[in-house]
Amino acid sequence: MKRNSILAMSAVFFATQITLVNAQNKSEEKLNPIVQSFVNEANDNSQLENMAFELLDGIGPRLVGTPEMLAANNYTVDKLKSWGIDANLQQFGTWKGWQRGTTHVDLVYPRTKTLSATQLAWSPATKKAVEAEALILPKVSSKAEFDKWLPSAKGKIVLMAQYQKIGRSDEQIKEFATPELYEKLKAEKVQSKKDFANYIKTIGYDNTTLPEALEKAGAAGIAISNWTGIHSTNRVFGAKTKSIPMFDIDLEDYGMLYRMAEKGTKPRIKVDAQSKVLPEAKSFNTIGMIKGSEKPNEYVILSAHLDSWDGAQGATDNGTGTLTMLETMRILKKYYPNPKRTIVVGLWGSEEQGLNGSRGFVADNPEIIKGVQAVFNQDNGTGRVVDISGQGFKDSYAYIGRWLDAAPKKVKDQIKSTFPGMPGGGGSDHASFVAAGVPGFSLSSLNWGYFGYTWHTTKDTYDKIVFDELKNNVILTATLAYMASEDPEFVSREKRVMPNDDKGTAVKWPEAREPKRSSKDY
């Protein structure tokens, strides 16, 4: 008992020492009191996890034109209003209505196995289950030979994607193979990819026209496998068919089917895809505003796209950006309710089809665009922000530097910047503003395997979010918004002198583009 008492006293002593050290560390850095309130709220009263559950687990993926996208729009408007922020939906177009249903794909001959498969976005339903032989593309050396083969696809489910002989990641091969074997296997992978690309070119089709040709020839369905190179992770985009199902099969099952078909086993698969084609759906952006007290016609915009592809939950693309901007607005409203300039949050629709929501906002709100001080956009995953480029604005170093200087040291010290940088021509929504001559900045994150593992894949789920990293980004974004709002100056929009390309011609500033306001234009 005595020994336990001594241990308990020691534990209390060390806990007290740790508390004192933490308190000393906190007190060493003197932040602006409002910025300090941002830090305290983000760390001690975060709403990120609750919102992530509601948005990602509750609503799920947010494909443009789906009821889930509309539900996400309504959810974000309601959240903003619950914090006392004016919010509404702004329509920028319409899109073909569609809703994912259950999908079952089974091998039924020569044995029985449920396959790991995902119906592609906007794929037609099967109405009733379709059973057919799985067929691979023929070994031909010209378009004429391929077109002669096309009638053979009638009534078959065609395996259209490249066969992957090795289903291991490059990292794992490098870890375990001898140097000689690694080089051999790497070369085989590169050659296989090149051979398939040359084959598609030889037969005279591409990823859009080949499914159309197979559908016209009477195929019963089309299967692909868009493997990322990482275990059990495929990318899922949209179907290119109008009346037959098109679906993605995981690497392992696709490879098995391919080998069976190639060896003459004539495997048969059964597909039951119960998606729904719905009426044309209105497409919206969610817009929230905290009105400026001194300069209401000047604006700081917090930007993230709300839509996603729907192979998973759209957690890191771009649930994390959406959550960051929502949480930032909540904190700003609580601790900075009367900003000097109007603070706007824009959660865009249809970014995945070409920045359509943000381009629509730029085109439809010229008075706001004229008064924008800065746009801060986040859209590349769960990691802490580590880069802010000047996006080609000549004086961006001065004002970004001023604003960033107010952030906590552990936040700003992570960030490396390029000034004046080059203007973003696409890729994410800040580019819509940059093209209009508005200082729009990408808060670029540490990728945490984003492009290989979660970007547009079947693994982009809640569990991939690192919430401590998001808290860092909320603190940063709130600080930048506060400083940009308070800045006495309306920042310069002067553009850099653009460099020459390899041919000696001056690179042009990106041109503002009209959004696609309908899926008919997509």
Protein backbone atom coordinates (compact mmCIF):
# COMPACT_ATOMS: atom_id res chain seq x y z
CA MET A 1 0.00 0.00 0.00
CA LYS A 2 2.79 2.38 0.93
CA ARG A 3 4.62 1.69 -2.33
CA ASN A 4 1.42 2.32 -4.31
CA SER A 5 0.94 5.63 -2.48
CA ILE A 6 4.46 6.72 -3.40
CA LEU A 7 3.83 5.76 -7.03
CA ALA A 8 0.58 7.69 -7.04
CA MET A 9 2.30 10.77 -5.60
CA SER A 10 5.02 10.46 -8.23
CA ALA A 11 2.41 10.27 -10.98
CA VAL A 12 0.72 13.40 -9.67
CA PHE A 13 4.07 15.19 -9.48
CA PHE A 14 5.00 14.31 -13.06
CA ALA A 15 1.52 15.19 -14.34
CA THR A 16 1.83 18.57 -12.59
CA GLN A 17 5.25 19.11 -14.15
CA ILE A 18 3.93 18.28 -17.62
CA THR A 19 1.02 20.69 -17.12
CA LEU A 20 3.39 23.44 -16.06
CA VAL A 21 5.66 22.82 -19.05
CA ASN A 22 2.68 22.92 -21.42
CA ALA A 23 1.44 26.13 -19.81
CA GLN A 24 4.92 27.68 -20.15
CA ASN A 25 5.08 26.64 -23.80
CA LYS A 26 1.67 28.21 -24.41
CA SER A 27 2.63 31.44 -22.74
CA GLU A 28 5.92 31.77 -24.62
CA GLU A 29 4.17 32.63 -27.90
CA LYS A 30 2.20 35.88 -27.83
CA LEU A 31 -0.52 35.66 -30.43
CA ASN A 32 -3.12 38.21 -31.37
CA PRO A 33 -5.93 37.56 -28.83
CA ILE A 34 -8.43 36.76 -31.59
CA VAL A 35 -6.01 34.32 -33.21
CA GLN A 36 -5.43 32.75 -29.81
CA SER A 37 -9.18 32.26 -29.48
CA PHE A 38 -9.15 30.47 -32.85
CA VAL A 39 -6.41 28.17 -31.59
CA ASN A 40 -8.21 27.40 -28.33
CA GLU A 41 -11.55 26.72 -30.00
CA ALA A 42 -10.10 24.55 -32.77
CA ASN A 43 -8.20 22.41 -30.26
CA ASP A 44 -10.61 22.31 -27.33
CA ASN A 45 -14.07 22.37 -28.92
CA SER A 46 -13.64 20.90 -32.39
CA GLN A 47 -16.79 19.96 -34.28
CA LEU A 48 -14.87 18.27 -37.10
CA GLU A 49 -15.47 14.64 -36.14
CA ASN A 50 -19.20 15.10 -35.60
CA MET A 51 -19.59 16.89 -38.92
CA ALA A 52 -17.49 14.25 -40.69
CA PHE A 53 -19.79 11.54 -39.36
CA GLU A 54 -22.90 13.41 -40.45
CA LEU A 55 -21.59 14.29 -43.90
CA LEU A 56 -19.56 11.21 -44.84
CA ASP A 57 -21.19 8.32 -42.99
CA GLY A 58 -24.66 9.84 -42.95
CA ILE A 59 -25.02 11.36 -46.44
CA GLY A 60 -22.11 9.61 -48.15
CA PRO A 61 -20.64 10.41 -51.56
CA ARG A 62 -21.88 13.53 -53.34
CA LEU A 63 -22.00 12.96 -57.08
CA VAL A 64 -23.47 15.87 -59.02
CA GLY A 65 -27.08 15.19 -60.01
CA THR A 66 -27.77 12.77 -57.16
CA PRO A 67 -30.14 13.13 -54.19
CA GLU A 68 -27.08 12.80 -51.96
CA MET A 69 -25.53 15.94 -53.46
CA LEU A 70 -28.71 17.87 -52.77
CA ALA A 71 -28.78 16.45 -49.24
CA ALA A 72 -25.20 17.69 -48.73
CA ASN A 73 -26.16 21.14 -50.02
CA ASN A 74 -29.06 21.29 -47.58
CA TYR A 75 -26.96 19.93 -44.73
CA THR A 76 -24.27 22.59 -45.18
CA VAL A 77 -26.84 25.40 -45.44
CA ASP A 78 -28.52 24.19 -42.25
CA LYS A 79 -25.17 23.96 -40.43
CA LEU A 80 -24.23 27.50 -41.36
CA LYS A 81 -27.64 28.82 -40.34
CA SER A 82 -27.42 27.00 -37.00
CA TRP A 83 -24.36 29.14 -36.23
CA GLY A 84 -26.18 32.35 -37.14
CA ILE A 85 -24.58 32.66 -40.57
CA ASP A 86 -26.67 33.75 -43.56
CA ALA A 87 -26.66 30.89 -46.05
CA ASN A 88 -28.45 29.81 -49.20
CA LEU A 89 -28.16 27.67 -52.30
CA GLN A 90 -27.20 29.29 -55.60
CA GLN A 91 -28.11 27.32 -58.70
CA PHE A 92 -25.53 27.30 -61.49
CA GLY A 93 -27.00 24.62 -63.74
CA THR A 94 -28.62 21.20 -63.99
CA TRP A 95 -27.27 17.67 -64.31
CA LYS A 96 -28.63 14.28 -65.25
CA GLY A 97 -30.32 12.76 -62.23
CA TRP A 98 -29.07 9.40 -61.01
CA GLN A 99 -28.89 7.40 -57.80
CA ARG A 100 -26.68 4.44 -56.98
CA GLY A 101 -28.41 1.23 -55.91
CA THR A 102 -27.17 -2.19 -54.85
CA THR A 103 -24.70 -3.91 -57.15
CA HIS A 104 -24.00 -7.66 -57.17
CA VAL A 105 -21.50 -9.21 -59.55
CA ASP A 106 -20.94 -12.95 -59.25
CA LEU A 107 -18.90 -15.57 -61.03
CA VAL A 108 -21.35 -18.41 -61.74
CA TYR A 109 -19.20 -20.67 -63.99
CA PRO A 110 -16.86 -22.60 -63.75
CA ARG A 111 -17.34 -22.04 -60.01
CA THR A 112 -19.25 -19.69 -57.78
CA LYS A 113 -17.71 -16.56 -56.26
CA THR A 114 -19.03 -13.11 -55.36
CA LEU A 115 -16.78 -10.58 -57.07
CA SER A 116 -15.63 -7.27 -55.64
CA ALA A 117 -17.16 -4.79 -58.07
CA THR A 118 -18.55 -1.24 -58.22
CA GLN A 119 -21.02 0.11 -60.75
CA LEU A 120 -19.65 3.24 -62.43
CA ALA A 121 -21.38 6.56 -61.90
CA TRP A 122 -24.39 7.15 -64.18
CA SER A 123 -24.24 3.54 -65.39
CA PRO A 124 -27.59 2.18 -66.61
CA ALA A 125 -29.27 -0.39 -64.37
CA THR A 126 -29.76 -3.99 -65.43
CA LYS A 127 -33.53 -3.95 -64.61
CA LYS A 128 -33.14 -7.67 -64.02
CA ALA A 129 -29.93 -9.63 -63.51
CA VAL A 130 -27.83 -10.23 -66.63
CA GLU A 131 -25.85 -13.45 -66.98
CA ALA A 132 -23.27 -13.75 -69.76
CA GLU A 133 -19.87 -15.05 -70.75
CA ALA A 134 -16.90 -12.81 -69.94
CA LEU A 135 -14.84 -12.05 -73.02
CA ILE A 136 -11.46 -10.34 -73.43
CA LEU A 137 -10.48 -8.02 -76.27
CA PRO A 138 -9.03 -9.87 -79.28
CA LYS A 139 -5.37 -9.98 -80.23
CA VAL A 140 -5.51 -8.02 -83.48
CA SER A 141 -3.10 -5.70 -85.26
CA SER A 142 -5.41 -3.23 -87.03
CA LYS A 143 -8.70 -1.37 -86.72
CA ALA A 144 -10.11 -3.37 -89.59
CA GLU A 145 -9.43 -6.65 -87.80
CA PHE A 146 -10.94 -5.30 -84.59
CA ASP A 147 -14.08 -4.04 -86.33
CA LYS A 148 -14.43 -7.47 -87.94
CA TRP A 149 -14.30 -9.01 -84.44
CA LEU A 150 -16.82 -6.57 -82.89
CA PRO A 151 -19.94 -8.67 -83.64
CA SER A 152 -18.38 -11.37 -81.42
CA ALA A 153 -19.07 -9.12 -78.43
CA LYS A 154 -22.83 -9.52 -78.85
CA GLY A 155 -24.40 -10.94 -75.69
CA LYS A 156 -21.07 -10.98 -73.86
CA ILE A 157 -19.65 -9.01 -70.95
CA VAL A 158 -16.43 -7.56 -72.30
CA LEU A 159 -13.33 -7.18 -70.10
CA MET A 160 -12.04 -3.90 -71.49
CA ALA A 161 -9.14 -2.93 -69.20
CA GLN A 162 -5.48 -3.82 -69.19
CA TYR A 163 -4.60 -7.11 -67.49
CA GLN A 164 -2.24 -6.66 -64.55
CA LYS A 165 0.06 -9.67 -64.22
CA ILE A 166 1.54 -8.42 -60.94
CA GLY A 167 -0.87 -7.11 -58.34
CA ARG A 168 1.76 -5.82 -55.93
CA SER A 169 2.66 -2.18 -55.40
CA ASP A 170 5.99 -0.86 -56.64
CA GLU A 171 6.95 -0.08 -53.03
CA GLN A 172 6.45 -3.69 -51.94
CA ILE A 173 8.34 -5.08 -54.93
CA LYS A 174 11.22 -2.73 -54.17
CA GLU A 175 11.22 -3.74 -50.50
CA PHE A 176 11.46 -7.48 -51.06
CA ALA A 177 12.91 -8.16 -54.51
CA THR A 178 16.60 -8.33 -55.28
CA PRO A 179 17.81 -5.27 -57.20
CA GLU A 180 17.95 -7.32 -60.39
CA LEU A 181 14.42 -8.71 -59.93
CA TYR A 182 13.08 -5.27 -59.05
CA GLU A 183 14.43 -3.77 -62.27
CA LYS A 184 13.10 -6.72 -64.28
CA LEU A 185 9.58 -6.52 -62.82
CA LYS A 186 9.50 -2.73 -63.09
CA ALA A 187 10.48 -2.93 -66.76
CA GLU A 188 7.78 -5.56 -67.38
CA LYS A 189 5.13 -3.30 -65.81
CA VAL A 190 6.21 -0.32 -67.89
CA GLN A 191 6.25 -2.38 -71.08
CA SER A 192 2.85 -3.92 -70.36
CA LYS A 193 1.29 -0.47 -69.90
CA LYS A 194 2.94 0.77 -73.09
CA ASP A 195 1.79 -2.29 -75.05
CA PHE A 196 -1.82 -1.84 -73.95
CA ALA A 197 -1.79 1.87 -74.83
CA ASN A 198 -0.37 1.01 -78.27
CA TYR A 199 -3.03 -1.69 -78.72
CA ILE A 200 -5.87 0.76 -78.00
CA LYS A 201 -4.30 3.22 -80.42
CA THR A 202 -3.95 0.50 -83.06
CA ILE A 203 -7.61 -0.52 -82.94
CA GLY A 204 -8.59 3.13 -83.36
CA TYR A 205 -10.62 3.74 -80.19
CA ASP A 206 -10.22 5.41 -76.80
CA ASN A 207 -11.75 5.11 -73.32
CA THR A 208 -14.92 6.86 -74.50
CA THR A 209 -15.42 5.52 -78.00
CA LEU A 210 -14.54 1.88 -77.24
CA PRO A 211 -17.43 1.36 -74.76
CA GLU A 212 -19.73 3.05 -77.27
CA ALA A 213 -18.58 0.67 -80.02
CA LEU A 214 -19.00 -2.39 -77.80
CA GLU A 215 -22.47 -1.26 -76.73
CA LYS A 216 -23.46 -0.69 -80.37
CA ALA A 217 -22.18 -4.20 -81.21
CA GLY A 218 -24.62 -5.67 -78.69
CA ALA A 219 -22.41 -6.35 -75.67
CA ALA A 220 -24.38 -7.28 -72.52
CA GLY A 221 -22.07 -5.25 -70.28
CA ILE A 222 -18.56 -3.82 -69.91
CA ALA A 223 -16.14 -4.49 -67.08
CA ILE A 224 -12.99 -2.51 -66.36
CA SER A 225 -10.41 -2.48 -63.58
CA ASN A 226 -8.93 0.96 -62.98
CA TRP A 227 -6.20 -0.10 -60.53
CA THR A 228 -4.16 2.62 -58.81
CA GLY A 229 -1.10 0.46 -58.18
CA ILE A 230 -1.92 0.17 -54.46
CA HIS A 231 -3.42 -2.98 -52.93
CA SER A 232 -7.18 -3.36 -53.48
CA THR A 233 -7.59 0.27 -54.53
CA ASN A 234 -9.32 1.22 -57.77
CA ARG A 235 -10.46 4.56 -59.14
CA VAL A 236 -14.14 4.88 -60.01
CA PHE A 237 -15.36 7.48 -62.48
CA GLY A 238 -18.35 7.61 -64.83
CA ALA A 239 -19.83 5.11 -67.27
CA LYS A 240 -19.59 5.66 -71.03
CA THR A 241 -22.61 3.53 -71.91
CA LYS A 242 -26.27 4.44 -72.36
CA SER A 243 -28.16 1.16 -72.04
CA ILE A 244 -25.84 -1.56 -70.71
CA PRO A 245 -24.12 -1.72 -67.30
CA MET A 246 -20.51 -0.63 -66.98
CA PHE A 247 -18.69 -1.52 -63.79
CA ASP A 248 -15.26 -1.74 -62.21
CA ILE A 249 -13.90 -5.01 -60.77
CA ASP A 250 -11.08 -5.07 -58.25
CA LEU A 251 -7.70 -6.11 -59.60
CA GLU A 252 -7.69 -9.57 -58.05
CA ASP A 253 -11.08 -10.69 -59.38
CA TYR A 254 -10.58 -9.00 -62.74
CA GLY A 255 -7.29 -10.81 -63.19
CA MET A 256 -8.91 -14.16 -62.41
CA LEU A 257 -11.68 -13.55 -64.98
CA TYR A 258 -9.17 -12.42 -67.57
CA ARG A 259 -7.01 -15.54 -67.17
CA MET A 260 -10.07 -17.79 -67.35
CA ALA A 261 -11.25 -16.14 -70.55
CA GLU A 262 -7.77 -16.15 -72.07
CA LYS A 263 -7.32 -19.87 -71.32
CA GLY A 264 -10.64 -20.77 -72.90
CA THR A 265 -12.59 -21.57 -69.73
CA LYS A 266 -15.44 -19.28 -70.86
CA PRO A 267 -16.29 -17.90 -67.42
CA ARG A 268 -19.83 -16.65 -66.89
CA ILE A 269 -20.75 -13.78 -64.61
CA LYS A 270 -24.06 -12.51 -63.34
CA VAL A 271 -24.62 -8.77 -62.90
CA ASP A 272 -27.45 -7.18 -60.94
CA ALA A 273 -27.08 -3.37 -60.79
CA GLN A 274 -30.08 -1.53 -59.40
CA SER A 275 -29.27 2.14 -59.94
CA LYS A 276 -32.01 4.64 -60.81
CA VAL A 277 -32.16 7.23 -63.56
CA LEU A 278 -33.92 10.27 -62.11
CA PRO A 279 -35.28 13.52 -63.61
CA GLU A 280 -32.84 16.29 -64.48
CA ALA A 281 -31.53 17.70 -61.19
CA LYS A 282 -30.71 21.29 -60.30
CA SER A 283 -27.03 21.88 -59.44
CA PHE A 284 -26.19 24.21 -56.56
CA ASN A 285 -23.36 25.87 -54.68
CA THR A 286 -23.72 26.38 -50.94
CA ILE A 287 -22.97 30.02 -50.11
CA GLY A 288 -22.65 31.44 -46.59
CA MET A 289 -21.81 35.03 -45.57
CA ILE A 290 -20.72 36.92 -42.47
CA LYS A 291 -21.44 40.52 -43.45
CA GLY A 292 -18.61 43.03 -43.27
CA SER A 293 -19.00 45.86 -40.77
CA GLU A 294 -16.81 48.47 -42.52
CA LYS A 295 -16.30 47.25 -46.08
CA PRO A 296 -19.26 45.00 -46.82
CA ASN A 297 -18.64 45.14 -50.57
CA GLU A 298 -15.16 43.69 -50.23
CA TYR A 299 -14.85 39.95 -49.69
CA VAL A 300 -12.67 37.19 -48.32
CA ILE A 301 -13.76 33.84 -49.76
CA LEU A 302 -13.20 30.43 -48.15
CA SER A 303 -13.41 27.84 -50.89
CA ALA A 304 -13.82 24.06 -51.14
CA HIS A 305 -15.77 21.78 -53.42
CA LEU A 306 -18.58 19.82 -51.83
CA ASP A 307 -19.17 17.30 -54.60
CA SER A 308 -17.25 14.07 -55.07
CA TRP A 309 -17.07 10.95 -57.17
CA ASP A 310 -19.01 8.16 -55.56
CA GLY A 311 -16.78 5.09 -55.41
CA ALA A 312 -16.47 5.65 -51.65
CA GLN A 313 -17.38 8.62 -49.40
CA GLY A 314 -15.37 11.47 -50.89
CA ALA A 315 -13.63 11.88 -47.52
CA THR A 316 -10.33 13.45 -48.59
CA ASP A 317 -11.67 14.69 -51.92
CA ASN A 318 -13.07 16.88 -50.76
CA GLY A 319 -14.80 16.19 -47.47
CA THR A 320 -11.71 17.43 -45.64
CA GLY A 321 -11.72 20.77 -47.45
CA THR A 322 -15.45 21.17 -46.85
CA LEU A 323 -15.09 20.34 -43.15
CA THR A 324 -12.16 22.74 -42.79
CA MET A 325 -14.14 25.63 -44.28
CA LEU A 326 -17.29 24.87 -42.28
CA GLU A 327 -15.36 24.69 -39.01
CA THR A 328 -13.49 27.87 -39.90
CA MET A 329 -16.76 29.72 -40.50
CA ARG A 330 -18.16 28.44 -37.19
CA ILE A 331 -15.12 29.74 -35.32
CA LEU A 332 -15.03 33.04 -37.16
CA LYS A 333 -18.69 33.66 -36.40
CA LYS A 334 -18.09 32.89 -32.71
CA TYR A 335 -14.92 34.94 -32.17
CA TYR A 336 -14.91 37.42 -35.06
CA PRO A 337 -18.60 38.09 -35.68
CA ASN A 338 -18.14 41.61 -37.08
CA PRO A 339 -15.40 41.32 -39.69
CA LYS A 340 -14.21 44.43 -41.49
CA ARG A 341 -14.85 42.79 -44.88
CA THR A 342 -17.57 40.28 -45.73
CA ILE A 343 -16.40 36.70 -45.28
CA VAL A 344 -17.94 34.23 -47.72
CA VAL A 345 -17.78 30.45 -47.74
CA GLY A 346 -18.34 28.80 -51.12
CA LEU A 347 -18.87 25.04 -51.18
CA TRP A 348 -18.92 24.28 -54.88
CA GLY A 349 -20.80 21.71 -56.90
CA SER A 350 -19.53 19.77 -59.93
CA GLU A 351 -15.86 20.55 -59.42
CA GLU A 352 -15.10 17.02 -60.57
CA GLN A 353 -16.58 17.67 -64.00
CA GLY A 354 -14.54 20.84 -64.64
CA LEU A 355 -14.79 23.40 -61.81
CA ASN A 356 -18.36 24.07 -62.87
CA GLY A 357 -19.69 25.38 -59.56
CA SER A 358 -16.91 27.87 -58.92
CA ARG A 359 -16.82 28.97 -62.56
CA GLY A 360 -20.57 29.50 -62.34
CA PHE A 361 -20.14 31.61 -59.21
CA VAL A 362 -17.49 33.76 -60.88
CA ALA A 363 -19.67 34.27 -63.95
CA ASP A 364 -22.88 34.92 -62.00
CA ASN A 365 -21.55 37.27 -59.30
CA PRO A 366 -19.52 40.00 -61.03
CA GLU A 367 -20.06 42.53 -58.23
CA ILE A 368 -18.64 40.15 -55.65
CA ILE A 369 -15.72 39.19 -57.90
CA LYS A 370 -14.87 42.87 -58.34
CA GLY A 371 -14.50 43.25 -54.58
CA VAL A 372 -12.67 40.05 -53.64
CA GLN A 373 -9.66 40.62 -51.41
CA ALA A 374 -8.52 36.96 -51.51
CA VAL A 375 -9.74 33.41 -51.97
CA PHE A 376 -8.38 30.54 -49.87
CA ASN A 377 -9.09 27.12 -51.35
CA GLN A 378 -8.37 23.68 -49.87
CA ASP A 379 -8.71 20.52 -51.93
CA ASN A 380 -5.96 17.94 -51.74
CA GLY A 381 -6.52 15.74 -48.77
CA THR A 382 -6.26 15.43 -45.04
CA GLY A 383 -2.70 16.69 -44.52
CA ARG A 384 -1.55 19.89 -42.88
CA VAL A 385 -1.01 22.80 -45.26
CA VAL A 386 2.64 22.95 -46.34
CA ASP A 387 2.59 25.20 -49.41
CA ILE A 388 0.94 28.43 -50.53
CA SER A 389 1.93 29.61 -54.01
CA GLY A 390 1.57 33.24 -55.07
CA GLN A 391 -0.41 32.07 -58.16
CA GLY A 392 1.38 34.57 -60.38
CA PHE A 393 0.33 37.73 -58.50
CA LYS A 394 3.32 40.04 -58.40
CA ASP A 395 2.85 41.45 -54.89
CA SER A 396 1.47 38.31 -53.25
CA TYR A 397 4.63 37.78 -51.20
CA ALA A 398 4.03 40.98 -49.23
CA TYR A 399 0.43 40.46 -48.21
CA ILE A 400 0.50 36.68 -47.82
CA GLY A 401 3.58 37.15 -45.68
CA ARG A 402 1.79 39.71 -43.49
CA TRP A 403 -1.22 37.51 -43.01
CA LEU A 404 0.75 34.34 -42.43
CA ASP A 405 2.93 36.03 -39.84
CA ALA A 406 -0.03 36.18 -37.44
CA ALA A 407 -0.45 32.39 -37.40
CA PRO A 408 1.01 30.24 -34.60
CA LYS A 409 4.62 29.32 -35.18
CA LYS A 410 3.98 25.58 -35.37
CA VAL A 411 1.40 26.21 -38.11
CA LYS A 412 3.27 28.73 -40.25
CA ASP A 413 6.66 27.05 -39.91
CA GLN A 414 5.31 24.06 -41.86
CA ILE A 415 4.65 26.21 -44.90
CA LYS A 416 6.99 26.80 -47.79
CA SER A 417 5.90 29.18 -50.50
CA THR A 418 6.74 30.10 -54.07
CA PHE A 419 6.33 33.74 -55.06
CA PRO A 420 5.10 35.03 -57.35
CA GLY A 421 4.58 31.50 -58.64
CA MET A 422 2.54 30.57 -61.69
CA PRO A 423 -1.23 30.96 -62.08
CA GLY A 424 -3.25 27.80 -61.62
CA GLY A 425 -4.92 26.85 -64.88
CA GLY A 426 -7.15 24.12 -63.46
CA GLY A 427 -7.09 21.27 -61.00
CA SER A 428 -9.12 22.97 -58.30
CA ASP A 429 -11.47 25.86 -57.69
CA HIS A 430 -8.93 28.60 -56.90
CA ALA A 431 -8.13 28.45 -60.64
CA SER A 432 -11.62 29.78 -61.47
CA PHE A 433 -10.83 32.95 -59.55
CA VAL A 434 -7.22 33.25 -60.73
CA ALA A 435 -8.41 33.13 -64.35
CA ALA A 436 -10.67 36.10 -63.55
CA GLY A 437 -7.66 38.02 -62.18
CA VAL A 438 -8.66 37.49 -58.54
CA PRO A 439 -6.00 36.52 -55.96
CA GLY A 440 -6.99 32.92 -55.35
CA PHE A 441 -4.66 30.73 -53.32
CA SER A 442 -4.46 26.98 -52.91
CA LEU A 443 -3.77 25.86 -49.35
CA SER A 444 -1.80 22.82 -50.50
CA SER A 445 -1.59 19.96 -48.05
CA LEU A 446 0.92 17.25 -47.24
CA ASN A 447 -0.50 14.46 -49.33
CA TRP A 448 -0.67 11.49 -46.91
CA GLY A 449 -0.80 9.18 -49.95
CA TYR A 450 -3.60 11.24 -51.48
CA PHE A 451 -2.97 10.79 -55.18
CA GLY A 452 -2.16 7.09 -54.99
CA TYR A 453 -4.53 5.92 -52.29
CA THR A 454 -7.61 8.09 -51.79
CA TRP A 455 -8.02 10.44 -54.78
CA HIS A 456 -11.18 9.27 -56.61
CA THR A 457 -10.79 5.74 -55.23
CA THR A 458 -12.84 3.11 -53.47
CA LYS A 459 -10.83 3.78 -50.29
CA ASP A 460 -11.63 7.48 -49.81
CA THR A 461 -13.44 6.98 -46.51
CA TYR A 462 -13.84 8.60 -43.08
CA ASP A 463 -11.03 6.53 -41.52
CA LYS A 464 -8.45 8.17 -43.82
CA ILE A 465 -8.98 11.57 -42.17
CA VAL A 466 -6.31 12.73 -39.70
CA PHE A 467 -8.31 15.19 -37.61
CA ASP A 468 -5.28 16.77 -35.89
CA GLU A 469 -4.08 17.85 -39.33
CA LEU A 470 -7.48 19.38 -40.10
CA LYS A 471 -7.38 21.33 -36.83
CA ASN A 472 -4.06 22.79 -37.98
CA ASN A 473 -5.70 23.86 -41.24
CA VAL A 474 -8.69 25.40 -39.49
CA ILE A 475 -6.38 27.54 -37.37
CA LEU A 476 -4.43 28.60 -40.45
CA THR A 477 -7.52 29.37 -42.54
CA ALA A 478 -9.23 31.32 -39.75
CA THR A 479 -6.06 33.36 -39.23
CA LEU A 480 -5.65 34.12 -42.94
CA ALA A 481 -9.32 35.08 -43.26
CA TYR A 482 -9.09 37.35 -40.20
CA MET A 483 -5.90 39.05 -41.39
CA ALA A 484 -7.15 39.48 -44.97
CA SER A 485 -10.36 40.98 -43.63
CA GLU A 486 -8.55 43.38 -41.30
CA ASP A 487 -5.85 44.46 -43.76
CA PRO A 488 -6.07 48.26 -44.29
CA GLU A 489 -5.23 47.80 -47.97
CA PHE A 490 -7.17 46.25 -50.80
CA VAL A 491 -4.46 43.99 -52.20
CA SER A 492 -2.85 44.42 -55.58
CA ARG A 493 -4.03 42.25 -58.46
CA GLU A 494 -1.01 43.06 -60.61
CA LYS A 495 0.13 40.00 -62.52
CA ARG A 496 3.71 38.88 -62.96
CA VAL A 497 5.54 39.09 -66.25
CA MET A 498 4.95 35.63 -67.62
CA PRO A 499 7.99 33.55 -68.59
CA ASN A 500 8.67 32.06 -72.00
CA ASP A 501 7.98 28.44 -72.82
CA ASP A 502 10.46 26.04 -74.42
CA LYS A 503 9.78 27.59 -77.81
CA GLY A 504 10.51 31.10 -76.58
CA THR A 505 6.86 32.18 -76.59
CA ALA A 506 5.47 34.01 -73.56
CA VAL A 507 3.14 31.80 -71.51
CA LYS A 508 -0.37 33.25 -71.37
CA TRP A 509 -2.38 33.89 -68.22
CA PRO A 510 -5.24 31.35 -68.00
CA GLU A 511 -8.48 32.51 -69.59
CA ALA A 512 -11.75 32.53 -67.66
CA ARG A 513 -13.96 29.71 -68.87
CA GLU A 514 -17.70 29.31 -68.90
CA PRO A 515 -18.95 26.48 -66.70
CA LYS A 516 -20.69 23.44 -68.07
CA ARG A 517 -24.20 24.20 -66.91
CA SER A 518 -25.68 20.92 -68.09
CA SER A 519 -24.54 17.31 -68.37
CA LYS A 520 -25.42 17.57 -72.06
CA ASP A 521 -22.23 19.62 -72.43
CA TYR A 522 -20.11 17.07 -70.52
